[in-house]
Protein backbone atom coordinates (compact mmCIF):
# COMPACT_ATOMS: atom_id res chain seq x y z
CA MET A 1 30.29 -78.60 23.06
CA LYS A 2 28.36 -79.94 26.03
CA ARG A 3 30.30 -80.22 29.24
CA ALA A 4 31.68 -83.70 29.69
CA HIS A 5 31.26 -85.60 32.92
CA VAL A 6 34.05 -87.81 34.18
CA VAL A 7 32.20 -90.65 35.82
CA LEU A 8 29.28 -90.81 33.44
CA LEU A 9 30.99 -90.71 30.08
CA SER A 10 29.42 -93.97 29.02
CA LEU A 11 25.88 -93.01 29.98
CA GLY A 12 23.45 -92.25 27.23
CA ILE A 13 23.08 -88.52 27.75
CA LEU A 14 26.82 -88.01 27.80
CA THR A 15 28.08 -90.32 25.08
CA GLY A 16 30.68 -88.62 22.95
CA CYS A 17 32.11 -86.23 25.55
CA ALA A 18 35.25 -87.39 27.32
CA GLY A 19 36.36 -86.52 30.87
CA LEU A 20 39.73 -84.81 30.88
CA ILE A 21 42.12 -84.18 33.75
CA GLY A 22 45.64 -82.88 34.24
CA VAL A 23 46.71 -82.65 37.85
CA PRO A 24 49.16 -80.14 39.34
CA ASP A 25 50.35 -80.17 42.91
CA LEU A 26 47.37 -79.49 45.15
CA THR A 27 47.27 -76.93 47.94
CA PHE A 28 44.84 -75.25 50.23
CA ASP A 29 43.85 -71.79 49.08
CA GLU A 30 45.12 -69.46 51.76
CA GLY A 31 42.67 -66.75 50.75
CA ASP A 32 39.55 -68.92 50.77
CA GLY A 33 38.59 -69.90 54.29
CA VAL A 34 41.79 -71.49 55.57
CA GLY A 35 41.22 -73.10 58.96
CA ALA A 36 38.60 -75.47 60.25
CA PRO A 37 35.45 -75.97 58.15
CA ASP A 38 33.45 -74.07 60.77
CA GLY A 39 35.57 -71.00 60.00
CA SER A 40 37.62 -71.13 63.19
CA THR A 41 41.42 -70.89 63.29
CA SER A 42 43.89 -71.87 65.97
CA ASP A 43 45.47 -69.23 68.18
CA GLY A 44 48.36 -71.55 69.07
CA ALA A 45 47.13 -72.05 72.64
CA ALA A 46 48.50 -74.87 74.74
CA ASP A 47 45.42 -77.04 74.20
CA ASP A 48 46.35 -77.19 70.48
CA ALA A 49 49.66 -78.88 71.27
CA SER A 50 50.42 -82.38 70.06
CA PRO A 51 49.19 -85.15 72.39
CA PRO A 52 51.58 -86.55 74.98
CA GLY A 53 53.90 -89.36 73.95
CA ASP A 54 56.12 -91.72 75.88
CA GLY A 55 58.47 -88.86 76.63
CA GLY A 56 55.76 -86.49 77.84
CA PRO A 57 53.97 -83.62 76.07
CA THR A 58 55.44 -82.48 72.79
CA THR A 59 55.86 -78.86 71.87
CA CYS A 60 55.84 -76.96 68.64
CA ASP A 61 57.66 -73.85 67.60
CA GLU A 62 54.89 -71.33 66.90
CA SER A 63 57.26 -69.32 64.77
CA LYS A 64 57.26 -72.20 62.25
CA LEU A 65 53.52 -72.82 61.93
CA GLN A 66 53.65 -71.58 58.34
CA THR A 67 56.10 -74.29 57.24
CA ASP A 68 56.17 -77.14 59.80
CA PRO A 69 54.36 -80.17 58.29
CA LYS A 70 53.79 -81.61 61.78
CA ASN A 71 52.32 -78.38 63.12
CA CYS A 72 50.85 -76.70 60.07
CA GLY A 73 48.80 -73.60 60.80
CA ARG A 74 48.35 -74.70 64.40
CA CYS A 75 50.13 -76.93 66.86
CA GLY A 76 49.43 -80.61 66.30
CA HIS A 77 48.04 -80.28 62.78
CA ASP A 78 49.93 -82.99 60.86
CA CYS A 79 50.01 -82.82 57.05
CA LEU A 80 50.29 -86.64 56.88
CA GLY A 81 53.24 -86.59 54.55
CA GLY A 82 52.33 -83.45 52.66
CA ALA A 83 54.22 -80.19 52.76
CA CYS A 84 53.10 -77.20 54.81
CA ASN A 85 52.92 -74.07 52.67
CA ALA A 86 51.83 -70.74 54.18
CA GLY A 87 50.21 -72.54 57.08
CA VAL A 88 48.14 -74.99 55.03
CA CYS A 89 48.75 -78.61 54.09
CA GLU A 90 49.43 -79.67 50.51
CA SER A 91 48.16 -82.92 49.10
CA VAL A 92 50.05 -86.21 48.86
CA LEU A 93 50.14 -88.35 45.73
CA LEU A 94 49.31 -91.90 46.80
CA SER A 95 49.23 -93.52 43.37
CA GLY A 96 49.72 -92.11 39.87
CA GLY A 97 49.55 -93.43 36.33
CA LEU A 98 46.00 -94.67 36.84
CA GLU A 99 43.80 -95.27 33.82
CA ASN A 100 40.69 -93.15 34.43
CA PRO A 101 39.93 -93.95 38.11
CA VAL A 102 36.26 -93.42 39.01
CA ASP A 103 35.38 -94.73 42.49
CA LEU A 104 37.03 -95.49 45.81
CA ALA A 105 36.35 -97.16 49.15
CA LEU A 106 38.35 -97.18 52.39
CA ASP A 107 39.28 -99.60 55.13
CA GLY A 108 41.66 -98.98 58.01
CA ALA A 109 44.88 -99.22 56.02
CA ASN A 110 43.99 -99.01 52.33
CA VAL A 111 42.09 -97.26 49.59
CA TYR A 112 40.41 -99.45 46.95
CA VAL A 113 40.05 -97.86 43.52
CA THR A 114 38.32 -98.84 40.27
CA ALA A 115 39.95 -97.72 37.02
CA ARG A 116 37.65 -97.77 34.03
CA GLY A 117 40.37 -97.31 31.41
CA ASN A 118 41.93 -100.74 31.92
CA GLY A 119 39.22 -102.36 34.03
CA ALA A 120 41.47 -102.64 37.07
CA VAL A 121 40.65 -102.79 40.76
CA LEU A 122 43.53 -101.49 42.87
CA ARG A 123 44.52 -101.52 46.53
CA VAL A 124 46.61 -98.52 47.56
CA ALA A 125 48.15 -98.16 51.01
CA LYS A 126 46.96 -95.00 52.74
CA ASP A 127 50.57 -93.97 53.27
CA GLY A 128 51.28 -94.38 49.55
CA SER A 129 53.88 -97.07 50.14
CA LYS A 130 52.32 -99.70 47.87
CA THR A 131 49.82 -100.16 45.05
CA ASP A 132 48.53 -103.66 44.28
CA VAL A 133 46.53 -104.56 41.19
CA LEU A 134 43.94 -106.97 42.57
CA VAL A 135 41.93 -107.39 39.37
CA SER A 136 42.49 -106.37 35.76
CA GLY A 137 40.63 -106.60 32.48
CA HIS A 138 37.17 -105.85 33.85
CA ASP A 139 35.99 -103.47 31.13
CA GLU A 140 34.57 -100.20 32.42
CA ALA A 141 35.15 -100.95 36.12
CA ARG A 142 32.96 -98.53 38.09
CA GLY A 143 31.65 -98.76 41.66
CA VAL A 144 33.54 -100.34 44.56
CA THR A 145 32.47 -101.26 48.10
CA LEU A 146 33.49 -103.38 51.12
CA ASP A 147 31.70 -105.49 53.70
CA GLY A 148 34.68 -105.79 56.05
CA GLN A 149 36.16 -109.01 54.69
CA ASN A 150 35.19 -108.92 51.03
CA LEU A 151 35.61 -106.51 48.16
CA TYR A 152 32.91 -105.93 45.53
CA TRP A 153 32.90 -103.89 42.35
CA SER A 154 30.70 -103.24 39.34
CA ASN A 155 31.57 -103.06 35.66
CA LEU A 156 29.61 -102.13 32.57
CA GLU A 157 30.72 -105.10 30.48
CA PHE A 158 33.23 -107.96 30.45
CA ALA A 159 34.66 -110.63 28.19
CA GLY A 160 32.20 -113.49 27.67
CA ASP A 161 29.19 -111.41 28.65
CA GLY A 162 27.35 -111.86 25.38
CA GLY A 163 29.23 -109.37 23.23
CA ASP A 164 26.96 -106.74 21.76
CA ASP A 165 24.39 -107.09 24.54
CA TYR A 166 26.52 -104.71 26.67
CA TRP A 167 26.05 -106.78 29.79
CA GLY A 168 28.21 -106.19 32.81
CA GLY A 169 28.11 -107.44 36.33
CA VAL A 170 28.87 -107.15 40.01
CA TRP A 171 31.91 -109.11 41.15
CA GLY A 172 33.54 -109.99 44.46
CA CYS A 173 36.63 -111.45 46.10
CA THR A 174 37.90 -112.24 49.59
CA LEU A 175 40.52 -109.94 51.05
CA PRO A 176 43.42 -109.64 51.42
CA ALA A 177 44.54 -111.90 48.57
CA CYS A 178 41.49 -111.43 46.31
CA ALA A 179 42.37 -114.80 44.77
CA ASP A 180 38.78 -116.02 44.41
CA VAL A 181 37.41 -113.45 41.95
CA HIS A 182 33.83 -114.44 41.15
CA LEU A 183 30.72 -113.05 39.51
CA VAL A 184 27.98 -112.17 42.00
CA THR A 185 25.34 -111.31 39.41
CA LEU A 186 24.97 -110.18 35.83
CA ALA A 187 23.86 -106.59 35.34
CA ASP A 188 23.03 -104.43 32.36
CA TRP A 189 25.67 -101.72 32.87
CA ALA A 190 26.23 -101.86 36.63
CA ALA A 191 27.31 -98.27 37.22
CA ASN A 192 27.61 -98.08 41.01
CA VAL A 193 27.48 -100.52 43.92
CA ARG A 194 27.21 -100.19 47.71
CA TYR A 195 27.08 -102.77 50.50
CA SER A 196 24.63 -102.38 53.40
CA ASN A 197 22.47 -104.52 55.65
CA GLY A 198 23.68 -107.81 54.21
CA PHE A 199 22.91 -106.84 50.60
CA LEU A 200 24.64 -105.25 47.64
CA TYR A 201 22.70 -102.40 46.04
CA PHE A 202 23.57 -101.13 42.58
CA ALA A 203 22.28 -99.07 39.68
CA GLU A 204 21.59 -101.10 36.54
CA ASN A 205 22.10 -98.15 34.26
CA ASN A 206 21.10 -99.54 30.89
CA ASN A 207 18.07 -101.37 32.26
CA GLY A 208 16.73 -98.46 34.33
CA ALA A 209 16.65 -100.41 37.60
CA VAL A 210 18.02 -100.13 41.14
CA VAL A 211 18.81 -103.66 42.28
CA ARG A 212 19.64 -105.45 45.50
CA VAL A 213 21.23 -108.88 45.77
CA LYS A 214 22.89 -111.01 48.44
CA PRO A 215 26.70 -111.25 48.10
CA ASP A 216 26.24 -114.93 47.17
CA GLY A 217 24.03 -113.91 44.24
CA SER A 218 20.74 -114.97 45.82
CA MET A 219 17.57 -112.95 46.50
CA ARG A 220 18.10 -110.59 43.59
CA ALA A 221 15.26 -108.08 43.20
CA ASP A 222 14.58 -104.73 41.55
CA VAL A 223 13.76 -102.23 44.30
CA GLY A 224 13.67 -98.96 42.33
CA SER A 225 13.55 -97.60 38.80
CA GLY A 226 14.52 -94.55 36.81
CA ASN A 227 15.96 -93.36 33.51
CA LYS A 228 19.60 -94.47 33.52
CA PRO A 229 20.18 -94.54 37.31
CA PHE A 230 23.77 -94.07 38.39
CA SER A 231 24.63 -93.38 42.01
CA VAL A 232 23.18 -95.04 45.12
CA ALA A 233 23.51 -94.65 48.88
CA VAL A 234 21.91 -96.85 51.51
CA ASP A 235 20.91 -96.48 55.16
CA GLY A 236 18.90 -98.71 57.50
CA THR A 237 15.57 -98.07 55.78
CA HIS A 238 16.01 -96.64 52.26
CA VAL A 239 18.01 -96.66 49.06
CA TYR A 240 18.68 -93.16 47.72
CA PHE A 241 19.51 -92.83 44.04
CA GLN A 242 20.06 -90.40 41.20
CA ALA A 243 18.70 -90.93 37.70
CA ASN A 244 17.99 -88.72 34.69
CA ALA A 245 14.96 -87.14 36.31
CA ASP A 246 13.93 -83.93 38.04
CA ASP A 247 14.64 -85.15 41.55
CA LEU A 248 16.70 -87.32 43.85
CA ARG A 249 14.59 -90.30 44.88
CA ARG A 250 14.43 -92.90 47.60
CA VAL A 251 12.70 -96.22 48.02
CA GLN A 252 12.47 -98.68 50.90
CA LEU A 253 15.12 -101.37 51.00
CA ASP A 254 12.74 -104.05 49.75
CA GLY A 255 11.08 -101.82 47.14
CA GLY A 256 7.70 -100.14 46.97
CA SER A 257 6.62 -96.66 45.98
CA GLN A 258 9.34 -94.13 45.28
CA GLU A 259 9.55 -90.82 47.10
CA THR A 260 10.97 -87.50 45.96
CA VAL A 261 13.74 -86.21 48.23
CA GLY A 262 15.05 -83.07 46.53
CA PRO A 263 15.92 -81.28 43.31
CA LEU A 264 17.99 -82.69 40.48
CA SER A 265 17.85 -80.82 37.18
CA TYR A 266 16.74 -82.97 34.27
CA GLY A 267 19.61 -83.68 31.92
CA GLY A 268 22.14 -82.94 34.64
CA ALA A 269 25.50 -84.64 34.84
CA LEU A 270 24.80 -86.98 37.73
CA GLY A 271 27.01 -87.09 40.78
CA PHE A 272 27.35 -89.20 43.90
CA VAL A 273 25.11 -89.57 46.96
CA ALA A 274 26.08 -89.96 50.65
CA VAL A 275 24.12 -90.44 53.87
CA ASP A 276 24.65 -90.03 57.58
CA ASP A 277 22.30 -90.61 60.50
CA GLU A 278 20.20 -87.52 59.83
CA ARG A 279 20.64 -86.32 56.25
CA VAL A 280 21.21 -87.37 52.65
CA TYR A 281 23.70 -85.40 50.52
CA TRP A 282 23.97 -85.26 46.75
CA ALA A 283 25.84 -83.44 44.00
CA TYR A 284 25.27 -82.86 40.30
CA GLY A 285 26.12 -80.45 37.51
CA GLU A 286 23.89 -78.90 34.89
CA TYR A 287 24.52 -80.62 31.58
CA GLU A 288 24.07 -77.55 29.39
CA SER A 289 26.06 -75.19 31.63
CA PRO A 290 28.99 -75.40 34.02
CA LYS A 291 26.85 -74.72 37.10
CA GLY A 292 27.07 -77.26 39.92
CA PHE A 293 24.89 -77.99 42.93
CA VAL A 294 25.35 -79.69 46.29
CA TYR A 295 22.35 -80.25 48.58
CA SER A 296 21.29 -82.10 51.69
CA ALA A 297 17.84 -83.03 52.97
CA LEU A 298 16.51 -84.34 56.25
CA LYS A 299 15.81 -88.04 55.95
CA SER A 300 13.05 -87.76 58.55
CA ASN A 301 11.29 -85.03 56.56
CA PRO A 302 12.41 -84.76 52.92
CA ALA A 303 9.83 -82.03 52.31
CA ALA A 304 11.62 -79.68 54.73
CA PRO A 305 13.82 -76.93 53.26
CA LYS A 306 17.06 -78.21 51.78
CA VAL A 307 20.54 -77.03 52.69
CA SER A 308 22.68 -75.93 49.74
CA TYR A 309 26.47 -75.74 49.87
CA GLY A 310 28.59 -73.22 47.99
CA THR A 311 27.34 -70.62 45.55
CA ASP A 312 30.06 -70.89 42.90
CA ASN A 313 30.11 -74.63 42.25
CA VAL A 314 31.05 -75.81 38.76
CA GLY A 315 30.22 -79.38 37.81
CA SER A 316 29.74 -80.80 41.31
CA LEU A 317 30.38 -84.53 41.52
CA GLY A 318 31.71 -86.30 44.64
CA VAL A 319 30.32 -86.02 48.20
CA ALA A 320 31.52 -87.44 51.54
CA VAL A 321 30.65 -86.69 55.16
CA ASP A 322 32.09 -87.17 58.62
CA ALA A 323 30.64 -86.27 62.01
CA THR A 324 30.69 -82.52 61.41
CA THR A 325 31.66 -81.72 57.83
CA LEU A 326 30.57 -82.19 54.22
CA TYR A 327 33.31 -82.54 51.60
CA TRP A 328 32.71 -82.35 47.86
CA THR A 329 34.43 -82.06 44.51
CA ASN A 330 33.75 -79.73 41.61
CA GLU A 331 34.97 -80.99 38.24
CA GLY A 332 35.23 -77.47 36.83
CA THR A 333 34.74 -76.55 33.17
CA PHE A 334 36.23 -78.92 30.65
CA ASP A 335 35.29 -81.00 27.65
CA GLU A 336 37.09 -83.04 25.04
CA GLU A 337 38.18 -79.85 23.26
CA ASN A 338 39.53 -78.22 26.42
CA SER A 339 41.49 -80.84 28.31
CA SER A 340 43.78 -78.20 29.83
CA ALA A 341 41.06 -76.57 31.97
CA LYS A 342 42.21 -76.60 35.59
CA ASP A 343 39.43 -75.06 37.64
CA GLY A 344 38.31 -78.12 39.62
CA GLU A 345 38.21 -77.94 43.42
CA VAL A 346 37.93 -79.95 46.62
CA LEU A 347 35.81 -78.08 49.17
CA ALA A 348 34.39 -78.40 52.68
CA CYS A 349 31.67 -76.83 54.80
CA PRO A 350 29.95 -77.66 58.09
CA LYS A 351 27.08 -80.05 57.44
CA ALA A 352 24.67 -77.44 58.79
CA GLY A 353 25.66 -75.15 55.89
CA CYS A 354 28.42 -72.87 54.72
CA ASP A 355 28.84 -69.77 56.88
CA GLY A 356 30.34 -67.72 54.08
CA ALA A 357 32.61 -69.25 51.49
CA PRO A 358 33.52 -72.94 51.70
CA VAL A 359 36.96 -74.02 52.85
CA VAL A 360 39.06 -74.69 49.73
CA LEU A 361 41.11 -77.81 50.34
CA ALA A 362 42.52 -77.98 46.80
CA LYS A 363 42.05 -76.01 43.59
CA GLY A 364 43.55 -75.67 40.13
CA LEU A 365 42.52 -79.25 39.29
CA THR A 366 41.17 -80.79 36.12
CA ALA A 367 38.05 -82.76 37.06
CA PRO A 368 38.48 -84.25 40.53
CA GLY A 369 35.87 -86.94 41.08
CA ALA A 370 34.96 -89.45 43.78
CA ILE A 371 35.89 -88.52 47.34
CA ALA A 372 36.03 -90.32 50.72
CA VAL A 373 37.16 -89.45 54.24
CA ASP A 374 38.50 -91.15 57.34
CA ASP A 375 39.34 -89.67 60.74
CA ALA A 376 42.41 -87.80 59.54
CA ALA A 377 42.36 -87.29 55.78
CA VAL A 378 40.36 -86.61 52.64
CA TYR A 379 40.99 -88.95 49.67
CA TYR A 380 39.99 -88.09 46.12
CA LEU A 381 40.49 -89.24 42.54
CA VAL A 382 41.45 -87.35 39.41
CA PHE A 383 40.40 -88.89 36.14
CA GLY A 384 43.23 -88.13 33.69
CA THR A 385 43.52 -85.79 30.72
CA ARG A 386 41.16 -87.76 28.49
CA ARG A 387 39.31 -91.01 28.17
CA GLY A 388 41.85 -93.80 27.78
CA SER A 389 44.73 -91.81 29.27
CA ALA A 390 46.97 -93.22 31.99
CA ASP A 391 47.61 -90.09 34.03
CA GLY A 392 44.86 -90.37 36.63
CA GLU A 393 45.73 -90.10 40.31
CA LEU A 394 44.68 -90.92 43.84
CA ARG A 395 45.55 -88.17 46.32
CA LYS A 396 45.00 -87.44 49.97
CA ILE A 397 45.10 -84.24 51.95
CA ALA A 398 44.97 -83.76 55.70
CA LYS A 399 41.67 -82.52 57.08
CA PRO A 400 41.81 -78.80 57.87
């Protein structure tokens, strides 16, 4: 049985294998690089104390750093609602009972999630206090993105799209009410969408195109091409995308010749792509084996040596970056005949590369997927035990 891939179950190379997840409570792994992603740990010095409040500087009891969720492992390290176990923060369940969630986007207060099982687009408060269903019935809801005031998402197909033609689309609505749901543009299996520079960019999976379009539906144009493209990331000059090819590619925002950026094994289970000011990051898993890969390349010189992250990755999928650190998910080994496999992980390393083993933020998972970060926390999705199940989850865990 070929290894299934959570996000890409509907893609041609993976049809017939279902993503399967069962999620236990998540914890850091105390034996695998606990501390900051650069390998450092706190010595409990005064400069690690919590910041001053109205009543003056706060203090922490260093004898309780192993269990205090406000001072976990070091003074001032808040678990953000999670428990502190052996000096490391456990994850927090923000929303459960999700039907195969696949992508997420953040604003200051909320996480927006697409659920492919029931075609829903959800808004979940970052503190877990509320989950709103903004949209439902959008079959195979996939990518999700924000432009600050509006929410956009992609789906592979929808009612009234022409039936057997398998057409989907990119949709939008105005936040916070999302009362004006409207079609931005038709798309032949719109697998992923990102907003940047006044345009929406998405992978038209079934048509082999990377497309850009204005949020009002105007100025639509194909800017790239590949065999069943899936994930995209955009900066000020290029669109980076994965397709069923031997490499990650990029193309200028308005199209033109495509450029090879780095390796991507043919037939691999495609993952996500992320960018920062200097580098592009991508993840994928080998389709015929459980091996996973996470790389980054210099955007200014893609031909320069690549940085690889982690040596024991299995089915790498999600990637996210902040100012110093790369975070990624490994689905682990599972297929439709082995839904109980729980060897997925959430990991972190300095963006410059792992100095030894990665920091293990969570392990013992069944196929964690998309991941995103803000200043304080890491947010990630778990898919559910099988396609069509309603036991997917959105979780967060405090940054180490």
